[in-house]
Every structure is written in structure tokens, then in C-alpha cells.
Amino acid sequence: MTRRRTANDILNGLDADRRLAILHNDDQSAAQGWEADPTPLTPRRLAPPFPVDALPTWVADMVMAVAEFTQTPLDLPGCLALAALSTAAGGRAEIEIRPGWREPLNLYTVVAMPPGSRKSAVFAAMTAPLLEAEGQLIDQARPRIAEAELARKMAAKEAERRTIEATNVRDPAARAEALNAAAEYTLEAEKPVPALPRLIADDVTTEAAASLLAEQRGRLAVLSAEGGIFSTIAGRYSSGVPNLETFLKGHSGDLLRVDRKGRPAEHVESPALTLGLALQPEVLQGIARMPGFRGRGLLARILYSLPENIVGRRQVGAPAVPAPIDKTYASRLTRLVMLLADHDETQRLRLSREADREVLDLERRLEPRLAPHADLAHMTDWASKLNGAIARLAGLLFLSDVLPTGWGEPIPTRHLDAAARLGHYFLGHALAVFDQMAADPTVEDARTVLEWINRVGAQRFSRRDAFSGLSRARFRKVTDLEAPLTLLEAHDFIRRGPVPAPTGGRPSSPMWEVHPRAAKAAQAAEARS
């Protein structure tokens, strides 16, 4: 038997409560003298979530456990995990997509997060095995280094002895033989002693990075929870003259040659530099204005991540990383480093026929989007390197998944599919980052003030209230709020309240009234983006 519909059923079916609430807000807006709804600010592009299931299981488990323990977005440990794999494989492996197109397996990753996001704790968890592997490499190398130093000293002494012997010999033939022997020992004494192995650098100049690359047979990682390396590249230690060569060629693998007065020339045939940084979002706008960073292609080499800010919504007392997950991650990453370090020749990976067809399909789909007036036309410098980045990611995922027995096999489609999903993630975040790099600072400040208004549910506030509730890192003086408040007023989100009557003391802070539909207008703009 069919139940008779009541009046409440009919109203619920028509979504009457929501409609009446909207009408009530409209009536309330009109009654309070608001002539129009707020005009949205420039919409902020929404970036996709990090596809943690694209990673090998032993990496994905660690990423999820660290994210839960530190209460950080998956993006941060996920990108650092990729940087850790790049540190292990960079300079030791490459992928050949097809004849004439090879990509080294090193990445530049940058995660932008606000202060207080626990970046250092995540860095420590994700990079600890690299430091352990570096220690093991040093222990293995010490006997060889000591032997090389001893051989060099002995050769120098023998060269000196043979030289003295030549000066005391009168027979021309014997003198020539002694001089030839002295020359050979001199050359032996001039052979460089191998440097102690080094995987990671932090606060390093571009000149030091080039020297370290030469010492370490072309492999080095710059991993840091800060973005100071960009100031160094821009010329902090070179009178403001940018020095990008090391970081440009360190990504592409082109020959790097460094000539300095008073020092022997240094050259690296195939440099492979890894970059894994976490910095504040405001730094992104700064590096976009640094001379040469975009024009010479440095910004186009970076895989960006712009995670959601969850500070203020984190769980207290989150569980620690389970010991089995931590142990598996540490042992497998350390083993990957050690296995690849023993290879003198670069390991060359190749694609299966099916994977090669998928790369061609990726190229066909991407190319039209690079055309003038297409959706990626404003960032063709970055987007044109996307398929190369996907190939690098596929190589890293393959190496870390088949460790160590399957390296001679072609890369199957499942690893390329996973890499393509990561590539889609980084494309979405690159679009958001390039938007932010070109953003008007006043609009960004206005958006920050509006987010504060909606978060605290303010219906009326003073300029002093806003200054007290907002970050000092962004608004250092009360007067810094004048421009964003004026912009919000122009968009009808707020309006100036009545001027308080003078009391004879300190002038009252200006008051602002908030449009009743301010929160809905902001949410609608975000939804449309």
C-alpha cells in the first residue's frame, strides 16, 4: 500500500528549506541595504589529490603512515619519496623511450606549504634511509681511499728517487731510462684520490654543487625543508649575478664544465642532480620574478605540488609509523642505493611495445594543448617536458618495484600508467602554481582576509580585529590591510560601517560590515574553479 505524502514530504522534495533560506538571505541583504551580491574574486584553481596508490606498495605504505603520524597532506611525503627514489637512481640509470630520446632518472620536486606544516619531521622520516646508505658507502670506500692515498705517496717518493738517480747518472741511455721512470711515477702520484661518497647536500652554493657532482661521478641530491637554494642560484653569493648552469644541466644531463682561476677544470659528462624542496607558497611568486629562472627554463624543469593547508584541523596524538612499514621502507630504499652505486655503467631501461604505444598516445593528446590559445599555451615551457617527466617517473617506479632481479626486462604498461597518473597530478598542480606566480598580490591578500572572515563567522569586524587574527608573516603592519579591504569592498563582500563617535581618546579602528552572502559567494567561486 502506498503511503500518502504529507506536506513536509512535498516541501522536502522541492528542497524548500534551502530555497527559503536563500530567499531569506536575499530579503535580509535587501533589508540591510545591500544592493547586489558579492562579485567573486579571481577563482583559485583546484589541484588534484596525490595518487598515492600509483607508488609501489612499500613506498605507498610509508607515505600514508608518515602523513598520518605527522598529520600532513599525502603530497609532502609522496613527493619526498619520489625525490628519495631519484637520489638512489639519479646518475646510475636512464630510460630510452626510443632511439635518440633518453631521459635520466632524476627529478626536481618542490612542495609549497605554509609555516608550521611539520616539513622537517617529514623530511627526516623520508630521507633517513638515504643517510644510512651514505654511511654504508663511506664505510665501504674508506679502505680504497686509504690505499689510493698510500699509493700516491709511494709514487711521489719513487718519482723523487728516480729524478735524483737520473741527475747522478752520466750514461745518456741510463739517464733517459731513469727520467722516463720518474715521469711515470709522477703521473701516478698526480692521480686524484677518490672522494668520500656523498648523496645529499643542503645549503650548497652552485659552485660547490658543481664540484660535488664532479667528485661523486655525476650524482648529487639537494634536499631541504627550505627554499634558500633559489636565492643562491639567483646570485646571493655572486653579487646578484644568477648562476643557473649547474641546475639546468644537472636536470637534462648535458655536459657540465667548470673552469676557475687557480684551480683545475672540472667536468661532468652526464650530471644527474636531484632537487627535493619544501618552501612557503609566497616563495613561488618570488622565484617567478628572479632573472632567468623562467626564460632559461629552470621553472619548467620542476614538478610542483601545492597541497591543501590542513593546519588547524590536524588530529592530536596520531599513531606513530608502524615499525614493519618503517623497516621495509628503510631496507628497500637503502638496498636500491647500494645496488645502483656498485654499477660503473649507467643502467639503460627500455619500454615494452605496449608501453611505447601509450607514450605515443600521451604525445598525441598533449600536442594540441600546446597550441596558441589552447589551455596550456601559457605554460608550454613546462608542459612540453611533461612526457619526459612521465618517462622518468615510470623508470623510477619500475626500478623500485622490481628490485633487484627484473631490471633487464622492459617496462610494462602498469608502471607507465602509474607514472601518467602522477604526471596528471603534477600538471594540475603546475597550473595552480603558474596561476599563483602570475597572481596579483592584492587579490591574494584579499582572498586571505575573506577566508579569515568566513572561518571566524564574522558579521562585523574592525581593522584591528582582522590584523590580530591574521598572520604577521603576511600582514606586518595594520596599514597592509588597507588595499585588500578596499578590494573586498569594491567586490561587495564588505562595506564600511558607521564611523564611531569620537571619545576624546585614541581614534577607534575603522569598522566593516560583512555581506550576509559573502561565504556563499566565496564557496561558489571556488566550486566554479
Protein backbone atom coordinates (compact mmCIF):
# COMPACT_ATOMS: atom_id res chain seq x y z
CA MET A 1 0.00 0.00 0.00
CA THR A 2 1.43 3.40 -0.97
CA ARG A 3 1.95 5.84 1.92
CA ARG A 4 0.22 9.18 1.44
CA ARG A 5 2.69 12.06 1.02
CA THR A 6 2.49 14.69 3.70
CA ALA A 7 3.05 18.42 3.28
CA ASN A 8 6.56 18.04 4.76
CA ASP A 9 7.36 15.32 2.21
CA ILE A 10 6.37 17.63 -0.64
CA LEU A 11 8.40 20.54 0.78
CA ASN A 12 11.46 18.33 1.27
CA GLY A 13 11.18 17.10 -2.30
CA LEU A 14 11.20 20.66 -3.52
CA ASP A 15 14.25 21.43 -1.37
CA ALA A 16 12.10 24.08 0.26
CA ASP A 17 14.32 24.70 3.28
CA ARG A 18 17.32 25.62 1.13
CA ARG A 19 15.22 27.76 -1.20
CA LEU A 20 13.56 29.56 1.69
CA ALA A 21 16.99 30.15 3.29
CA ILE A 22 18.25 31.71 0.06
CA LEU A 23 15.15 33.91 -0.17
CA HIS A 24 15.61 34.83 3.48
CA ASN A 25 19.24 35.80 2.89
CA ASP A 26 18.22 37.82 -0.18
CA ASP A 27 15.49 39.56 1.83
CA GLN A 28 17.95 40.10 4.67
CA SER A 29 20.52 41.55 2.25
CA ALA A 30 17.97 43.92 0.76
CA ALA A 31 16.67 44.91 4.17
CA GLN A 32 20.18 45.78 5.30
CA GLY A 33 20.75 47.95 2.25
CA TRP A 34 22.99 45.64 0.22
CA GLU A 35 22.19 46.41 -3.40
CA ALA A 36 23.98 43.46 -5.02
CA ASP A 37 25.52 40.08 -4.28
CA PRO A 38 29.32 39.95 -3.90
CA THR A 39 31.31 39.80 -7.12
CA PRO A 40 33.74 36.84 -6.86
CA LEU A 41 37.46 37.46 -6.79
CA THR A 42 39.62 35.69 -9.37
CA PRO A 43 38.86 31.97 -8.84
CA ARG A 44 41.58 29.77 -7.41
CA ARG A 45 42.30 26.64 -9.41
CA LEU A 46 41.66 23.39 -7.55
CA ALA A 47 44.58 20.94 -7.69
CA PRO A 48 44.10 17.13 -7.77
CA PRO A 49 44.89 14.90 -4.77
CA PHE A 50 48.17 12.97 -4.65
CA PRO A 51 47.70 9.48 -6.22
CA VAL A 52 49.47 7.53 -3.50
CA ASP A 53 48.31 4.19 -4.96
CA ALA A 54 50.45 4.89 -8.04
CA LEU A 55 53.54 4.22 -5.91
CA PRO A 56 54.97 0.75 -5.20
CA THR A 57 53.34 -0.80 -2.12
CA TRP A 58 56.39 -0.44 0.15
CA VAL A 59 56.65 3.26 -0.74
CA ALA A 60 52.91 3.96 -0.57
CA ASP A 61 52.63 2.34 2.89
CA MET A 62 55.38 4.60 4.20
CA VAL A 63 53.87 7.71 2.62
CA MET A 64 50.47 7.06 4.17
CA ALA A 65 51.92 6.18 7.59
CA VAL A 66 54.14 9.28 7.71
CA ALA A 67 51.27 11.51 6.55
CA GLU A 68 49.05 10.15 9.32
CA PHE A 69 51.71 10.39 12.03
CA THR A 70 52.79 13.93 11.14
CA GLN A 71 49.27 15.00 10.16
CA THR A 72 50.43 16.39 6.84
CA PRO A 73 48.90 16.04 3.36
CA LEU A 74 49.97 12.97 1.39
CA ASP A 75 51.58 15.33 -1.14
CA LEU A 76 54.58 16.13 1.08
CA PRO A 77 55.81 12.61 1.93
CA GLY A 78 54.72 11.46 -1.53
CA CYS A 79 56.87 14.00 -3.37
CA LEU A 80 59.77 13.39 -0.98
CA ALA A 81 59.50 9.66 -1.64
CA LEU A 82 59.91 10.38 -5.36
CA ALA A 83 62.90 12.60 -4.58
CA ALA A 84 64.39 9.78 -2.49
CA LEU A 85 64.00 7.31 -5.38
CA SER A 86 65.57 9.91 -7.68
CA THR A 87 68.51 10.22 -5.28
CA ALA A 88 69.03 6.46 -5.44
CA ALA A 89 68.77 6.14 -9.23
CA GLY A 90 69.98 9.52 -10.48
CA GLY A 91 73.22 9.21 -12.40
CA ARG A 92 73.02 5.43 -12.31
CA ALA A 93 70.07 4.71 -14.61
CA GLU A 94 68.26 6.18 -17.59
CA ILE A 95 65.27 5.29 -19.73
CA GLU A 96 65.35 5.09 -23.52
CA ILE A 97 61.90 5.94 -24.86
CA ARG A 98 63.03 5.44 -28.43
CA PRO A 99 66.34 5.82 -30.30
CA GLY A 100 67.56 9.37 -29.83
CA TRP A 101 65.31 10.11 -26.84
CA ARG A 102 66.68 9.18 -23.45
CA GLU A 103 65.79 10.59 -20.05
CA PRO A 104 67.93 10.33 -16.90
CA LEU A 105 66.02 9.20 -13.81
CA ASN A 106 66.41 12.32 -11.68
CA LEU A 107 63.66 14.73 -10.68
CA TYR A 108 63.22 18.28 -9.38
CA THR A 109 60.30 18.38 -6.92
CA VAL A 110 59.07 21.42 -4.96
CA VAL A 111 56.25 21.32 -2.39
CA ALA A 112 54.78 24.65 -1.26
CA MET A 113 53.35 24.63 2.29
CA PRO A 114 52.81 27.32 4.93
CA PRO A 115 54.94 27.66 8.10
CA GLY A 116 54.16 25.20 10.87
CA SER A 117 53.34 22.35 8.47
CA ARG A 118 55.87 19.92 10.04
CA LYS A 119 58.00 19.78 6.91
CA SER A 120 61.18 18.94 8.84
CA ALA A 121 59.63 15.89 10.52
CA VAL A 122 58.52 14.51 7.16
CA PHE A 123 61.94 15.18 5.63
CA ALA A 124 63.62 13.29 8.46
CA ALA A 125 61.34 10.27 8.06
CA MET A 126 61.53 10.00 4.28
CA THR A 127 65.27 10.67 3.84
CA ALA A 128 66.71 8.78 6.84
CA PRO A 129 67.48 5.66 4.75
CA LEU A 130 69.48 7.80 2.31
CA LEU A 131 71.72 8.96 5.15
CA GLU A 132 72.07 5.35 6.30
CA ALA A 133 73.06 4.29 2.78
CA GLU A 134 75.53 7.18 2.57
CA GLY A 135 77.15 5.95 5.78
CA GLN A 136 77.45 2.43 4.39
CA LEU A 137 79.00 3.73 1.18
CA ILE A 138 81.54 5.71 3.20
CA ASP A 139 82.47 2.65 5.27
CA GLN A 140 82.98 0.63 2.08
CA ALA A 141 85.07 3.36 0.46
CA ARG A 142 87.44 4.14 3.32
CA PRO A 143 89.84 1.19 2.69
CA ARG A 144 90.02 2.03 -1.04
CA ILE A 145 90.65 5.70 -0.28
CA ALA A 146 93.40 4.84 2.23
CA GLU A 147 95.02 2.50 -0.30
CA ALA A 148 94.87 5.21 -3.01
CA GLU A 149 96.41 7.81 -0.68
CA LEU A 150 99.24 5.42 0.25
CA ALA A 151 99.90 4.53 -3.40
CA ARG A 152 100.03 8.22 -4.26
CA LYS A 153 102.59 8.96 -1.53
CA MET A 154 104.74 6.00 -2.54
CA ALA A 155 104.64 7.07 -6.19
CA ALA A 156 105.68 10.60 -5.23
CA LYS A 157 108.66 9.31 -3.24
CA GLU A 158 109.68 6.93 -6.03
CA ALA A 159 109.44 9.75 -8.58
CA GLU A 160 111.72 11.88 -6.42
CA ARG A 161 114.21 9.00 -6.03
CA ARG A 162 114.31 8.30 -9.77
CA THR A 163 114.80 12.00 -10.51
CA ILE A 164 117.82 12.16 -8.17
CA GLU A 165 119.14 8.97 -9.71
CA ALA A 166 118.89 10.49 -13.20
CA THR A 167 120.91 13.53 -12.16
CA ASN A 168 123.72 11.30 -10.88
CA VAL A 169 123.92 9.03 -13.92
CA ARG A 170 126.34 10.02 -16.65
CA ASP A 171 125.35 7.41 -19.23
CA PRO A 172 122.78 9.07 -21.54
CA ALA A 173 120.77 5.88 -22.02
CA ALA A 174 120.60 5.15 -18.29
CA ARG A 175 119.70 8.80 -17.58
CA ALA A 176 116.88 8.68 -20.11
CA GLU A 177 115.56 5.44 -18.59
CA ALA A 178 115.61 6.95 -15.09
CA LEU A 179 113.85 10.13 -16.29
CA ASN A 180 111.15 8.08 -18.05
CA ALA A 181 110.58 6.10 -14.86
CA ALA A 182 110.43 9.32 -12.84
CA ALA A 183 107.82 10.75 -15.23
CA GLU A 184 105.66 7.63 -14.93
CA TYR A 185 105.75 7.73 -11.14
CA THR A 186 104.98 11.47 -11.22
CA LEU A 187 101.86 10.81 -13.26
CA GLU A 188 100.90 8.07 -10.82
CA ALA A 189 101.35 10.48 -7.90
CA GLU A 190 99.07 13.04 -9.57
CA LYS A 191 96.11 10.69 -9.82
CA PRO A 192 93.26 12.06 -7.68
CA VAL A 193 92.28 10.18 -4.55
CA PRO A 194 88.59 9.19 -4.64
CA ALA A 195 86.38 11.43 -2.52
CA LEU A 196 84.21 10.12 0.29
CA PRO A 197 80.78 9.18 -1.09
CA ARG A 198 78.13 11.85 -0.73
CA LEU A 199 74.45 11.54 -1.61
CA ILE A 200 72.84 14.63 -0.08
CA ALA A 201 73.68 18.31 0.19
CA ASP A 202 71.55 21.02 1.79
CA ASP A 203 72.84 24.60 1.97
CA VAL A 204 75.21 24.49 -1.00
CA THR A 205 76.40 27.10 -3.49
CA THR A 206 76.16 26.44 -7.20
CA GLU A 207 79.98 26.23 -7.44
CA ALA A 208 80.09 23.70 -4.59
CA ALA A 209 77.29 21.71 -6.23
CA ALA A 210 79.29 21.52 -9.46
CA SER A 211 82.40 20.35 -7.58
CA LEU A 212 80.41 17.74 -5.65
CA LEU A 213 78.89 16.45 -8.88
CA ALA A 214 82.40 16.05 -10.31
CA GLU A 215 83.61 14.27 -7.15
CA GLN A 216 80.59 11.97 -6.94
CA ARG A 217 80.68 10.77 -10.56
CA GLY A 218 77.72 12.92 -11.56
CA ARG A 219 75.25 12.15 -8.77
CA LEU A 220 74.03 14.51 -6.02
CA ALA A 221 70.76 15.43 -4.31
CA VAL A 222 69.88 18.80 -2.81
CA LEU A 223 67.17 18.06 -0.23
CA SER A 224 65.96 20.81 2.08
CA ALA A 225 62.90 21.88 4.07
CA GLU A 226 63.59 25.46 2.93
CA GLY A 227 63.86 27.24 -0.41
CA GLY A 228 67.12 29.09 0.19
CA ILE A 229 68.81 27.34 -2.74
CA PHE A 230 66.80 29.55 -5.11
CA SER A 231 68.33 32.69 -3.59
CA THR A 232 71.75 31.10 -4.01
CA ILE A 233 71.08 30.32 -7.67
CA ALA A 234 69.82 33.89 -8.16
CA GLY A 235 73.19 35.26 -7.03
CA ARG A 236 73.14 35.66 -3.26
CA TYR A 237 76.87 34.84 -3.12
CA SER A 238 77.81 36.21 -6.54
CA SER A 239 76.89 39.91 -6.32
CA GLY A 240 73.41 39.29 -7.69
CA VAL A 241 74.59 37.52 -10.86
CA PRO A 242 72.44 34.40 -11.44
CA ASN A 243 74.27 31.11 -11.90
CA LEU A 244 71.87 28.56 -13.36
CA GLU A 245 74.18 26.32 -15.42
CA THR A 246 74.67 23.62 -12.79
CA PHE A 247 70.94 23.26 -12.15
CA LEU A 248 69.94 23.45 -15.80
CA LYS A 249 72.45 20.85 -16.96
CA GLY A 250 72.06 18.81 -13.77
CA HIS A 251 68.48 18.08 -14.80
CA SER A 252 68.99 17.48 -18.52
CA GLY A 253 72.24 15.52 -18.17
CA ASP A 254 74.20 17.76 -20.56
CA LEU A 255 77.99 18.04 -20.24
CA LEU A 256 78.90 20.37 -17.37
CA ARG A 257 82.33 22.02 -17.47
CA VAL A 258 83.54 24.46 -14.81
CA ASP A 259 86.73 26.49 -15.32
CA ARG A 260 88.04 28.58 -12.42
CA LYS A 261 91.21 30.63 -11.99
CA GLY A 262 93.88 28.89 -9.95
CA ARG A 263 92.05 25.54 -9.92
CA PRO A 264 91.95 22.58 -12.28
CA ALA A 265 88.97 22.47 -14.63
CA GLU A 266 86.10 20.26 -13.54
CA HIS A 267 83.77 18.50 -15.92
CA VAL A 268 80.92 16.04 -15.54
CA GLU A 269 79.92 14.11 -18.64
CA SER A 270 76.34 13.29 -17.55
CA PRO A 271 75.39 15.17 -14.38
CA ALA A 272 72.26 13.97 -12.55
CA LEU A 273 71.12 16.38 -9.87
CA THR A 274 68.06 15.70 -7.69
CA LEU A 275 66.11 18.54 -6.11
CA GLY A 276 63.65 17.92 -3.28
CA LEU A 277 62.47 21.11 -1.57
CA ALA A 278 59.63 22.29 0.63
CA LEU A 279 59.08 26.03 0.79
CA GLN A 280 56.44 28.61 1.65
CA PRO A 281 53.86 29.40 -1.07
CA GLU A 282 54.92 33.07 -1.16
CA VAL A 283 58.35 31.98 -2.38
CA LEU A 284 56.79 30.77 -5.64
CA GLN A 285 55.87 34.30 -6.62
CA GLY A 286 59.39 35.43 -5.76
CA ILE A 287 61.20 32.85 -7.89
CA ALA A 288 58.99 33.67 -10.88
CA ARG A 289 60.50 37.17 -10.84
CA MET A 290 64.13 36.05 -10.43
CA PRO A 291 66.19 36.84 -13.58
CA GLY A 292 66.48 33.92 -15.97
CA PHE A 293 64.51 31.43 -13.89
CA ARG A 294 61.63 31.21 -16.36
CA GLY A 295 63.35 32.47 -19.52
CA ARG A 296 66.16 29.91 -19.35
CA GLY A 297 63.91 27.02 -18.36
CA LEU A 298 64.64 26.35 -14.69
CA LEU A 299 60.99 26.68 -13.64
CA ALA A 300 59.97 24.36 -16.49
CA ARG A 301 62.10 21.55 -15.01
CA ILE A 302 60.32 21.47 -11.64
CA LEU A 303 57.46 19.18 -10.60
CA TYR A 304 55.31 21.34 -8.32
CA SER A 305 52.97 20.39 -5.51
CA LEU A 306 50.59 22.83 -3.82
CA PRO A 307 48.81 20.79 -1.11
CA GLU A 308 45.74 21.80 0.84
CA ASN A 309 46.55 23.60 4.08
CA ILE A 310 45.28 21.46 6.97
CA VAL A 311 46.93 23.41 9.81
CA GLY A 312 44.24 23.95 12.45
CA ARG A 313 42.40 20.73 11.51
CA ARG A 314 45.04 18.17 12.48
CA GLN A 315 44.41 15.20 14.75
CA VAL A 316 46.21 15.28 18.07
CA GLY A 317 48.02 12.13 19.17
CA ALA A 318 48.13 10.42 15.77
CA PRO A 319 49.68 6.91 15.78
CA ALA A 320 53.38 6.53 15.04
CA VAL A 321 54.66 4.90 11.87
CA PRO A 322 54.36 1.12 12.38
CA ALA A 323 57.78 -0.48 12.80
CA PRO A 324 57.34 -3.07 9.98
CA ILE A 325 56.43 -0.34 7.47
CA ASP A 326 59.37 1.84 8.54
CA LYS A 327 61.78 -1.10 8.45
CA THR A 328 60.64 -2.26 5.00
CA TYR A 329 60.91 1.24 3.53
CA ALA A 330 64.36 1.78 5.04
CA SER A 331 65.77 -1.58 3.96
CA ARG A 332 64.44 -1.43 0.40
CA LEU A 333 65.48 2.18 -0.25
CA THR A 334 68.94 1.53 1.23
CA ARG A 335 69.30 -1.59 -0.89
CA LEU A 336 68.32 0.31 -4.03
CA VAL A 337 71.02 2.90 -3.34
CA MET A 338 73.68 0.29 -2.65
CA LEU A 339 72.87 -1.87 -5.68
CA LEU A 340 72.95 1.04 -8.12
CA ALA A 341 76.08 2.53 -6.55
CA ASP A 342 78.01 -0.63 -7.47
CA HIS A 343 77.29 -0.18 -11.20
CA ASP A 344 80.01 1.71 -13.03
CA GLU A 345 77.98 1.88 -16.24
CA THR A 346 74.60 3.60 -16.45
CA GLN A 347 71.72 1.11 -16.43
CA ARG A 348 69.57 1.67 -19.52
CA LEU A 349 65.88 0.82 -19.24
CA ARG A 350 63.57 0.35 -22.18
CA LEU A 351 59.81 0.30 -22.69
CA SER A 352 57.69 -2.65 -23.73
CA ARG A 353 55.89 -2.33 -27.07
CA GLU A 354 52.60 -1.67 -25.30
CA ALA A 355 54.17 0.98 -23.07
CA ASP A 356 55.80 2.62 -26.10
CA ARG A 357 52.40 2.86 -27.80
CA GLU A 358 51.00 4.52 -24.68
CA VAL A 359 53.78 7.11 -24.75
CA LEU A 360 52.89 7.90 -28.34
CA ASP A 361 49.26 8.27 -27.29
CA LEU A 362 50.27 10.66 -24.49
CA GLU A 363 52.21 12.73 -27.02
CA ARG A 364 49.24 12.87 -29.40
CA ARG A 365 46.90 14.04 -26.64
CA LEU A 366 49.29 16.65 -25.28
CA GLU A 367 50.42 18.32 -28.50
CA PRO A 368 47.12 20.11 -29.37
CA ARG A 369 47.00 21.58 -25.87
CA LEU A 370 50.28 23.41 -26.52
CA ALA A 371 48.91 25.35 -29.48
CA PRO A 372 48.33 29.13 -29.21
CA HIS A 373 45.08 29.86 -27.33
CA ALA A 374 44.87 26.25 -26.07
CA ASP A 375 44.63 25.58 -22.33
CA LEU A 376 48.40 25.00 -21.85
CA ALA A 377 49.63 27.76 -24.18
CA HIS A 378 50.64 29.98 -21.24
CA MET A 379 52.99 27.31 -19.87
CA THR A 380 54.28 25.43 -22.90
CA ASP A 381 57.79 25.60 -21.41
CA TRP A 382 56.64 23.34 -18.54
CA ALA A 383 54.05 21.25 -20.38
CA SER A 384 56.41 20.38 -23.25
CA LYS A 385 58.55 18.49 -20.71
CA LEU A 386 55.62 16.59 -19.21
CA ASN A 387 56.01 13.38 -21.24
CA GLY A 388 59.71 13.28 -20.44
CA ALA A 389 58.87 13.63 -16.75
CA ILE A 390 56.33 10.80 -17.04
CA ALA A 391 59.02 8.59 -18.61
CA ARG A 392 61.39 9.40 -15.74
CA LEU A 393 58.67 8.58 -13.21
CA ALA A 394 57.93 5.29 -14.98
CA GLY A 395 61.61 4.34 -14.77
CA LEU A 396 61.77 5.11 -11.04
CA LEU A 397 58.56 3.21 -10.29
CA PHE A 398 59.83 0.23 -12.29
CA LEU A 399 63.25 0.14 -10.61
CA SER A 400 61.79 0.39 -7.12
CA ASP A 401 59.12 -2.23 -7.83
CA VAL A 402 61.22 -4.99 -9.42
CA LEU A 403 64.24 -4.56 -7.14
CA PRO A 404 66.64 -6.14 -7.93
CA THR A 405 66.01 -9.05 -10.32
CA GLY A 406 63.82 -7.60 -13.05
CA TRP A 407 65.90 -4.67 -14.27
CA GLY A 408 66.73 -6.34 -17.56
CA GLU A 409 63.06 -6.67 -18.52
CA PRO A 410 61.19 -3.96 -20.48
CA ILE A 411 59.00 -1.57 -18.51
CA PRO A 412 55.37 -2.79 -18.65
CA THR A 413 52.29 -0.63 -19.15
CA ARG A 414 51.28 -0.74 -15.48
CA HIS A 415 54.29 1.34 -14.49
CA LEU A 416 53.71 3.78 -17.32
CA ASP A 417 50.02 4.06 -16.36
CA ALA A 418 51.01 4.82 -12.77
CA ALA A 419 53.55 7.39 -13.96
CA ALA A 420 50.93 9.02 -16.19
CA ARG A 421 48.63 9.41 -13.18
CA LEU A 422 51.46 11.11 -11.31
CA GLY A 423 52.05 13.26 -14.36
CA HIS A 424 48.38 14.30 -14.37
CA TYR A 425 48.73 15.22 -10.69
CA PHE A 426 51.80 17.36 -11.33
CA LEU A 427 50.14 19.01 -14.34
CA GLY A 428 47.18 20.06 -12.21
CA HIS A 429 49.45 21.49 -9.55
CA ALA A 430 51.68 23.22 -12.11
CA LEU A 431 48.60 25.00 -13.48
CA ALA A 432 47.74 26.18 -9.96
CA VAL A 433 51.34 27.25 -9.27
CA PHE A 434 51.71 29.19 -12.53
CA ASP A 435 48.41 30.91 -11.74
CA GLN A 436 49.81 31.86 -8.36
CA MET A 437 53.10 33.05 -9.81
CA ALA A 438 51.19 35.47 -12.03
CA ALA A 439 48.65 36.44 -9.38
CA ASP A 440 48.06 39.98 -8.20
CA PRO A 441 49.37 40.16 -4.59
CA THR A 442 46.42 42.36 -3.57
CA VAL A 443 43.94 39.73 -4.80
CA GLU A 444 45.78 37.05 -2.83
CA ASP A 445 45.75 39.26 0.28
CA ALA A 446 42.03 39.93 -0.18
CA ARG A 447 41.35 36.20 -0.50
CA THR A 448 43.28 35.59 2.73
CA VAL A 449 41.20 38.20 4.57
CA LEU A 450 37.98 36.71 3.16
CA GLU A 451 38.99 33.23 4.28
CA TRP A 452 39.55 34.61 7.79
CA ILE A 453 36.13 36.33 7.77
CA ASN A 454 34.38 33.11 6.76
CA ARG A 455 36.40 30.97 9.16
CA VAL A 456 35.52 33.03 12.24
CA GLY A 457 31.98 33.73 11.00
CA ALA A 458 32.40 37.49 11.40
CA GLN A 459 29.37 39.66 10.61
CA ARG A 460 31.09 42.85 11.70
CA PHE A 461 34.76 43.47 12.48
CA SER A 462 37.31 46.21 12.93
CA ARG A 463 40.54 46.54 11.04
CA ARG A 464 42.33 45.86 14.33
CA ASP A 465 40.32 42.61 14.73
CA ALA A 466 41.48 41.45 11.30
CA PHE A 467 45.09 42.37 12.00
CA SER A 468 45.02 40.42 15.27
CA GLY A 469 43.55 37.32 13.62
CA LEU A 470 45.72 37.21 10.51
CA SER A 471 49.30 36.05 10.01
CA ARG A 472 52.10 38.54 10.77
CA ALA A 473 54.15 36.85 8.07
CA ARG A 474 51.68 38.20 5.50
CA PHE A 475 50.45 41.43 7.12
CA ARG A 476 53.28 43.03 9.08
CA LYS A 477 51.56 46.38 9.63
CA VAL A 478 47.92 47.35 10.12
CA THR A 479 48.16 49.54 7.04
CA ASP A 480 48.97 46.44 4.92
CA LEU A 481 45.26 45.59 5.24
CA GLU A 482 44.05 48.76 3.57
CA ALA A 483 44.41 47.57 -0.05
CA PRO A 484 42.79 44.11 0.39
CA LEU A 485 39.92 45.57 2.46
CA THR A 486 39.31 48.19 -0.23
CA LEU A 487 39.25 45.42 -2.90
CA LEU A 488 36.77 43.37 -0.86
CA GLU A 489 34.61 46.48 -0.52
CA ALA A 490 34.72 47.04 -4.28
CA HIS A 491 33.50 43.44 -4.77
CA ASP A 492 30.68 43.98 -2.22
CA PHE A 493 31.94 41.40 0.24
CA ILE A 494 32.18 44.07 2.95
CA ARG A 495 31.26 47.71 3.46
CA ARG A 496 32.46 50.37 5.84
CA GLY A 497 30.35 50.71 8.96
CA PRO A 498 29.33 53.95 10.62
CA VAL A 499 32.23 55.98 11.96
CA PRO A 500 32.22 55.67 15.77
CA ALA A 501 31.64 58.90 17.66
CA PRO A 502 34.89 60.42 18.97
CA THR A 503 35.52 59.73 22.64
CA GLY A 504 38.37 62.14 23.15
CA GLY A 505 40.92 59.35 23.40
CA ARG A 506 42.60 57.13 20.83
CA PRO A 507 40.69 57.08 17.49
CA SER A 508 38.59 53.94 17.03
CA SER A 509 39.68 51.39 14.41
CA PRO A 510 37.57 51.50 11.21
CA MET A 511 34.65 49.06 11.27
CA TRP A 512 33.47 46.82 8.45
CA GLU A 513 30.18 45.01 7.91
CA VAL A 514 30.11 41.64 6.12
CA HIS A 515 27.63 40.81 3.36
CA PRO A 516 25.25 38.04 4.53
CA ARG A 517 26.04 36.04 1.39
CA ALA A 518 29.82 36.52 1.50
CA ALA A 519 30.55 32.91 2.45
CA LYS A 520 28.21 31.50 -0.24
CA ALA A 521 29.73 33.73 -2.92
CA ALA A 522 33.26 32.63 -1.98
CA GLN A 523 32.25 28.96 -2.00
CA ALA A 524 30.53 29.31 -5.36
CA ALA A 525 33.67 30.87 -6.88
CA GLU A 526 35.81 28.00 -5.57
CA ALA A 527 33.33 25.45 -6.94
CA ARG A 528 33.39 27.05 -10.40
CA SER A 529 37.20 26.93 -10.47
